[in-house]
Amino acid sequence: MIKVLYDQHCSLCSKEINYYKSIAPKGIFLWCNLHTHNKLLRKYKITHKDALLSLHVIDEKEILYKGIDAFCLIWKNLKGWRLLNFIIRMPIIYPVSRAFYSYFALWRFKKMKYCEVN
């Protein structure tokens, strides 16, 4: 199964992931709240800060995806979202999308009080 590590305390993240859960085929994803899956974080050497900063997804082959790449893996496996994965992966759009996601993730991270970790 594809493991999705997300921040359940973030209202934006929760809304988005809950939507994906509602449309996802059974048996494809394992939805993991990063606050309760410490073993998974340790296994893949993901710091709590990095997990809060951006979405992390682990595929069936145990390959770790982060940020926009993590979203693309989710979208690739959701009917009706595959086209967005294809568009984001286009040569000019991909680097812009990565930069935009990184900027947005950092902005969100700085706004959340509970993200103040050492």
N, C-alpha and C. Protein backbone atom coordinates (compact mmCIF):
# COMPACT_ATOMS: atom_id res chain seq x y z
N MET A 1 0.84 -1.20 0.00
CA MET A 1 0.00 0.00 0.00
C MET A 1 0.87 1.25 0.00
N ILE A 2 0.34 2.32 -0.51
CA ILE A 2 1.00 3.62 -0.51
C ILE A 2 0.71 4.28 0.83
N LYS A 3 1.77 4.61 1.56
CA LYS A 3 1.62 5.23 2.88
C LYS A 3 1.69 6.75 2.73
N VAL A 4 0.67 7.43 3.20
CA VAL A 4 0.61 8.88 3.13
C VAL A 4 0.74 9.43 4.55
N LEU A 5 1.84 10.14 4.80
CA LEU A 5 2.07 10.78 6.11
C LEU A 5 1.60 12.22 6.02
N TYR A 6 0.57 12.54 6.77
CA TYR A 6 0.02 13.89 6.70
C TYR A 6 -0.20 14.46 8.10
N ASP A 7 -0.37 15.76 8.17
CA ASP A 7 -0.54 16.48 9.43
C ASP A 7 -2.03 16.61 9.73
N GLN A 8 -2.52 15.75 10.60
CA GLN A 8 -3.94 15.75 10.94
C GLN A 8 -4.35 16.98 11.76
N HIS A 9 -3.38 17.67 12.38
CA HIS A 9 -3.69 18.86 13.17
C HIS A 9 -3.93 20.08 12.29
N CYS A 10 -3.46 20.04 11.07
CA CYS A 10 -3.63 21.15 10.13
C CYS A 10 -5.00 21.02 9.46
N SER A 11 -5.83 22.04 9.59
CA SER A 11 -7.17 21.96 9.02
C SER A 11 -7.14 21.84 7.50
N LEU A 12 -6.22 22.54 6.86
CA LEU A 12 -6.09 22.46 5.40
C LEU A 12 -5.69 21.05 4.97
N CYS A 13 -4.67 20.50 5.62
CA CYS A 13 -4.20 19.15 5.30
C CYS A 13 -5.30 18.11 5.52
N SER A 14 -5.97 18.22 6.66
CA SER A 14 -7.03 17.26 7.00
C SER A 14 -8.16 17.29 5.99
N LYS A 15 -8.58 18.49 5.60
CA LYS A 15 -9.66 18.61 4.62
C LYS A 15 -9.26 17.95 3.30
N GLU A 16 -8.06 18.25 2.85
CA GLU A 16 -7.60 17.69 1.57
C GLU A 16 -7.47 16.18 1.64
N ILE A 17 -6.84 15.67 2.68
CA ILE A 17 -6.66 14.23 2.81
C ILE A 17 -8.00 13.53 3.01
N ASN A 18 -8.91 14.12 3.77
CA ASN A 18 -10.24 13.52 3.94
C ASN A 18 -10.98 13.43 2.61
N TYR A 19 -10.79 14.44 1.76
CA TYR A 19 -11.39 14.37 0.43
C TYR A 19 -10.78 13.21 -0.37
N TYR A 20 -9.46 13.12 -0.37
CA TYR A 20 -8.80 12.03 -1.10
C TYR A 20 -9.26 10.67 -0.56
N LYS A 21 -9.38 10.56 0.76
CA LYS A 21 -9.86 9.31 1.37
C LYS A 21 -11.25 8.95 0.83
N SER A 22 -12.09 9.95 0.66
CA SER A 22 -13.47 9.70 0.23
C SER A 22 -13.56 9.21 -1.21
N ILE A 23 -12.57 9.52 -2.04
CA ILE A 23 -12.62 9.12 -3.45
C ILE A 23 -11.61 8.02 -3.80
N ALA A 24 -10.75 7.69 -2.86
CA ALA A 24 -9.68 6.71 -3.13
C ALA A 24 -10.24 5.29 -3.20
N PRO A 25 -9.72 4.50 -4.15
CA PRO A 25 -10.13 3.10 -4.19
C PRO A 25 -9.61 2.38 -2.93
N LYS A 26 -10.33 1.38 -2.51
CA LYS A 26 -9.94 0.61 -1.33
C LYS A 26 -8.64 -0.14 -1.59
N GLY A 27 -7.82 -0.25 -0.56
CA GLY A 27 -6.62 -1.06 -0.64
C GLY A 27 -5.43 -0.43 -1.35
N ILE A 28 -5.50 0.85 -1.66
CA ILE A 28 -4.39 1.53 -2.34
C ILE A 28 -3.55 2.33 -1.36
N PHE A 29 -4.22 3.06 -0.47
CA PHE A 29 -3.53 3.98 0.44
C PHE A 29 -3.67 3.56 1.89
N LEU A 30 -2.65 3.87 2.65
CA LEU A 30 -2.68 3.78 4.10
C LEU A 30 -2.45 5.21 4.58
N TRP A 31 -3.47 5.82 5.18
CA TRP A 31 -3.44 7.21 5.59
C TRP A 31 -2.87 7.29 7.00
N CYS A 32 -1.72 7.93 7.17
CA CYS A 32 -0.99 7.92 8.43
C CYS A 32 -0.83 9.32 8.99
N ASN A 33 -1.44 9.55 10.14
CA ASN A 33 -1.27 10.81 10.85
C ASN A 33 0.17 10.86 11.36
N LEU A 34 0.92 11.85 10.96
CA LEU A 34 2.34 11.91 11.33
C LEU A 34 2.55 12.02 12.83
N HIS A 35 1.53 12.47 13.55
CA HIS A 35 1.66 12.64 15.00
C HIS A 35 1.54 11.32 15.76
N THR A 36 1.05 10.28 15.11
CA THR A 36 0.89 8.99 15.78
C THR A 36 1.69 7.86 15.13
N HIS A 37 2.40 8.16 14.07
CA HIS A 37 3.18 7.13 13.35
C HIS A 37 4.68 7.39 13.48
N ASN A 38 5.15 7.48 14.71
CA ASN A 38 6.57 7.76 14.96
C ASN A 38 7.49 6.67 14.41
N LYS A 39 7.05 5.42 14.46
CA LYS A 39 7.89 4.32 13.93
C LYS A 39 8.13 4.51 12.44
N LEU A 40 7.12 4.94 11.73
CA LEU A 40 7.25 5.17 10.29
C LEU A 40 8.23 6.32 10.03
N LEU A 41 8.13 7.37 10.82
CA LEU A 41 9.07 8.49 10.67
C LEU A 41 10.50 8.03 10.88
N ARG A 42 10.71 7.26 11.94
CA ARG A 42 12.07 6.77 12.23
C ARG A 42 12.56 5.83 11.13
N LYS A 43 11.70 4.93 10.68
CA LYS A 43 12.11 3.96 9.67
C LYS A 43 12.63 4.65 8.41
N TYR A 44 11.98 5.73 8.01
CA TYR A 44 12.36 6.42 6.77
C TYR A 44 13.23 7.66 7.03
N LYS A 45 13.68 7.80 8.30
CA LYS A 45 14.57 8.90 8.68
C LYS A 45 13.98 10.28 8.34
N ILE A 46 12.70 10.42 8.64
CA ILE A 46 12.00 11.69 8.44
C ILE A 46 11.91 12.37 9.81
N THR A 47 12.46 13.56 9.92
CA THR A 47 12.35 14.28 11.19
C THR A 47 10.92 14.78 11.35
N HIS A 48 10.55 15.00 12.61
CA HIS A 48 9.21 15.52 12.87
C HIS A 48 9.02 16.87 12.18
N LYS A 49 10.07 17.69 12.21
CA LYS A 49 10.01 19.00 11.54
C LYS A 49 9.78 18.85 10.05
N ASP A 50 10.52 17.96 9.38
CA ASP A 50 10.33 17.74 7.94
C ASP A 50 8.94 17.22 7.63
N ALA A 51 8.43 16.34 8.51
CA ALA A 51 7.09 15.79 8.30
C ALA A 51 6.03 16.88 8.41
N LEU A 52 6.24 17.84 9.34
CA LEU A 52 5.32 18.96 9.47
C LEU A 52 5.44 19.93 8.30
N LEU A 53 6.63 20.04 7.78
CA LEU A 53 6.90 21.00 6.71
C LEU A 53 6.27 20.62 5.38
N SER A 54 6.29 19.33 5.04
CA SER A 54 5.72 18.95 3.75
C SER A 54 5.18 17.52 3.79
N LEU A 55 4.31 17.25 2.84
CA LEU A 55 3.70 15.93 2.72
C LEU A 55 4.75 14.90 2.31
N HIS A 56 4.69 13.73 2.92
CA HIS A 56 5.57 12.61 2.58
C HIS A 56 4.73 11.40 2.23
N VAL A 57 5.11 10.69 1.18
CA VAL A 57 4.41 9.49 0.73
C VAL A 57 5.44 8.42 0.42
N ILE A 58 5.14 7.21 0.81
CA ILE A 58 6.02 6.06 0.56
C ILE A 58 5.27 5.07 -0.31
N ASP A 59 5.85 4.75 -1.46
CA ASP A 59 5.16 3.84 -2.38
C ASP A 59 5.37 2.38 -1.99
N GLU A 60 4.81 1.48 -2.79
CA GLU A 60 4.87 0.04 -2.52
C GLU A 60 6.29 -0.50 -2.55
N LYS A 61 7.17 0.18 -3.27
CA LYS A 61 8.57 -0.25 -3.38
C LYS A 61 9.43 0.38 -2.29
N GLU A 62 8.79 1.06 -1.33
CA GLU A 62 9.47 1.71 -0.21
C GLU A 62 10.27 2.95 -0.64
N ILE A 63 9.89 3.55 -1.76
CA ILE A 63 10.52 4.80 -2.21
C ILE A 63 9.77 5.97 -1.59
N LEU A 64 10.53 6.90 -1.03
CA LEU A 64 9.97 8.07 -0.35
C LEU A 64 9.81 9.23 -1.33
N TYR A 65 8.64 9.85 -1.32
CA TYR A 65 8.33 11.03 -2.12
C TYR A 65 7.98 12.15 -1.17
N LYS A 66 8.35 13.37 -1.54
CA LYS A 66 8.15 14.52 -0.66
C LYS A 66 7.60 15.69 -1.47
N GLY A 67 6.76 16.49 -0.83
CA GLY A 67 6.26 17.71 -1.46
C GLY A 67 5.38 17.43 -2.67
N ILE A 68 5.65 18.15 -3.74
CA ILE A 68 4.82 18.03 -4.95
C ILE A 68 4.90 16.62 -5.53
N ASP A 69 6.05 15.95 -5.37
CA ASP A 69 6.18 14.58 -5.85
C ASP A 69 5.25 13.64 -5.09
N ALA A 70 5.05 13.91 -3.80
CA ALA A 70 4.13 13.11 -2.99
C ALA A 70 2.70 13.30 -3.48
N PHE A 71 2.33 14.54 -3.75
CA PHE A 71 0.99 14.79 -4.28
C PHE A 71 0.79 14.12 -5.63
N CYS A 72 1.80 14.20 -6.49
CA CYS A 72 1.70 13.57 -7.81
C CYS A 72 1.46 12.06 -7.69
N LEU A 73 2.12 11.42 -6.75
CA LEU A 73 1.90 9.99 -6.56
C LEU A 73 0.47 9.71 -6.11
N ILE A 74 -0.06 10.55 -5.24
CA ILE A 74 -1.46 10.38 -4.82
C ILE A 74 -2.37 10.58 -6.02
N TRP A 75 -2.20 11.68 -6.73
CA TRP A 75 -3.07 12.00 -7.86
C TRP A 75 -3.02 10.93 -8.95
N LYS A 76 -1.85 10.37 -9.15
CA LYS A 76 -1.67 9.32 -10.16
C LYS A 76 -2.56 8.11 -9.86
N ASN A 77 -2.91 7.92 -8.60
CA ASN A 77 -3.69 6.77 -8.18
C ASN A 77 -5.15 7.10 -7.88
N LEU A 78 -5.59 8.30 -8.23
CA LEU A 78 -6.97 8.71 -8.01
C LEU A 78 -7.64 9.02 -9.34
N LYS A 79 -8.72 8.31 -9.60
CA LYS A 79 -9.49 8.57 -10.82
C LYS A 79 -9.95 10.03 -10.80
N GLY A 80 -9.81 10.70 -11.91
CA GLY A 80 -10.19 12.09 -12.02
C GLY A 80 -9.06 13.06 -11.68
N TRP A 81 -7.98 12.55 -11.14
CA TRP A 81 -6.84 13.39 -10.77
C TRP A 81 -5.58 13.03 -11.56
N ARG A 82 -5.63 12.01 -12.35
CA ARG A 82 -4.44 11.56 -13.11
C ARG A 82 -3.96 12.62 -14.08
N LEU A 83 -4.89 13.37 -14.64
CA LEU A 83 -4.52 14.42 -15.59
C LEU A 83 -3.67 15.50 -14.89
N LEU A 84 -4.04 15.84 -13.66
CA LEU A 84 -3.25 16.84 -12.94
C LEU A 84 -1.83 16.34 -12.71
N ASN A 85 -1.67 15.07 -12.37
CA ASN A 85 -0.33 14.47 -12.24
C ASN A 85 0.44 14.64 -13.54
N PHE A 86 -0.19 14.34 -14.66
CA PHE A 86 0.45 14.45 -15.97
C PHE A 86 0.87 15.91 -16.25
N ILE A 87 -0.02 16.85 -15.98
CA ILE A 87 0.26 18.26 -16.24
C ILE A 87 1.41 18.76 -15.36
N ILE A 88 1.35 18.44 -14.08
CA ILE A 88 2.40 18.89 -13.15
C ILE A 88 3.77 18.35 -13.57
N ARG A 89 3.81 17.16 -14.14
CA ARG A 89 5.08 16.53 -14.53
C ARG A 89 5.67 17.10 -15.82
N MET A 90 4.97 18.00 -16.48
CA MET A 90 5.49 18.57 -17.73
C MET A 90 6.73 19.42 -17.43
N PRO A 91 7.69 19.43 -18.37
CA PRO A 91 9.00 20.04 -18.13
C PRO A 91 9.00 21.47 -17.57
N ILE A 92 8.19 22.34 -18.05
CA ILE A 92 8.22 23.72 -17.56
C ILE A 92 7.40 23.85 -16.27
N ILE A 93 6.31 23.13 -16.19
CA ILE A 93 5.40 23.23 -15.05
C ILE A 93 5.99 22.59 -13.79
N TYR A 94 6.71 21.48 -13.95
CA TYR A 94 7.22 20.75 -12.78
C TYR A 94 8.12 21.59 -11.87
N PRO A 95 9.16 22.25 -12.39
CA PRO A 95 10.01 23.04 -11.48
C PRO A 95 9.27 24.22 -10.84
N VAL A 96 8.34 24.81 -11.57
CA VAL A 96 7.55 25.91 -11.01
C VAL A 96 6.65 25.37 -9.89
N SER A 97 6.04 24.23 -10.11
CA SER A 97 5.17 23.61 -9.10
C SER A 97 5.95 23.24 -7.84
N ARG A 98 7.15 22.70 -8.04
CA ARG A 98 8.00 22.34 -6.89
C ARG A 98 8.34 23.59 -6.08
N ALA A 99 8.72 24.64 -6.76
CA ALA A 99 9.08 25.88 -6.07
C ALA A 99 7.87 26.47 -5.35
N PHE A 100 6.73 26.50 -6.02
CA PHE A 100 5.52 27.04 -5.40
C PHE A 100 5.14 26.22 -4.17
N TYR A 101 5.16 24.90 -4.27
CA TYR A 101 4.81 24.06 -3.13
C TYR A 101 5.78 24.30 -1.97
N SER A 102 7.06 24.37 -2.26
CA SER A 102 8.06 24.60 -1.22
C SER A 102 7.82 25.92 -0.51
N TYR A 103 7.53 26.96 -1.28
CA TYR A 103 7.25 28.27 -0.71
C TYR A 103 5.99 28.21 0.16
N PHE A 104 4.92 27.62 -0.37
CA PHE A 104 3.66 27.52 0.37
C PHE A 104 3.84 26.70 1.65
N ALA A 105 4.54 25.57 1.56
CA ALA A 105 4.74 24.70 2.72
C ALA A 105 5.51 25.44 3.82
N LEU A 106 6.52 26.18 3.45
CA LEU A 106 7.29 26.94 4.44
C LEU A 106 6.44 28.04 5.06
N TRP A 107 5.65 28.73 4.26
CA TRP A 107 4.75 29.77 4.75
C TRP A 107 3.75 29.18 5.75
N ARG A 108 3.14 28.05 5.39
CA ARG A 108 2.18 27.37 6.26
C ARG A 108 2.86 26.95 7.56
N PHE A 109 4.05 26.37 7.44
CA PHE A 109 4.81 25.91 8.59
C PHE A 109 5.05 27.05 9.58
N LYS A 110 5.44 28.20 9.07
CA LYS A 110 5.73 29.35 9.93
C LYS A 110 4.47 29.92 10.59
N LYS A 111 3.31 29.72 9.99
CA LYS A 111 2.04 30.24 10.52
C LYS A 111 1.47 29.37 11.63
N MET A 112 1.81 28.09 11.67
CA MET A 112 1.23 27.16 12.63
C MET A 112 2.01 27.18 13.93
N LYS A 113 1.36 27.50 15.02
CA LYS A 113 2.03 27.60 16.33
C LYS A 113 2.63 26.26 16.75
N TYR A 114 1.93 25.15 16.54
CA TYR A 114 2.43 23.86 16.99
C TYR A 114 3.61 23.36 16.14
N CYS A 115 3.91 24.03 15.05
CA CYS A 115 5.06 23.65 14.22
C CYS A 115 6.38 24.16 14.80
N GLU A 116 6.33 24.86 15.91
CA GLU A 116 7.54 25.37 16.53
C GLU A 116 8.25 24.23 17.25
N VAL A 117 9.06 23.51 16.50
CA VAL A 117 9.81 22.37 17.06
C VAL A 117 11.29 22.72 17.07
N ASN A 118 12.03 22.08 17.93
CA ASN A 118 13.48 22.32 18.00
C ASN A 118 14.23 21.33 17.15
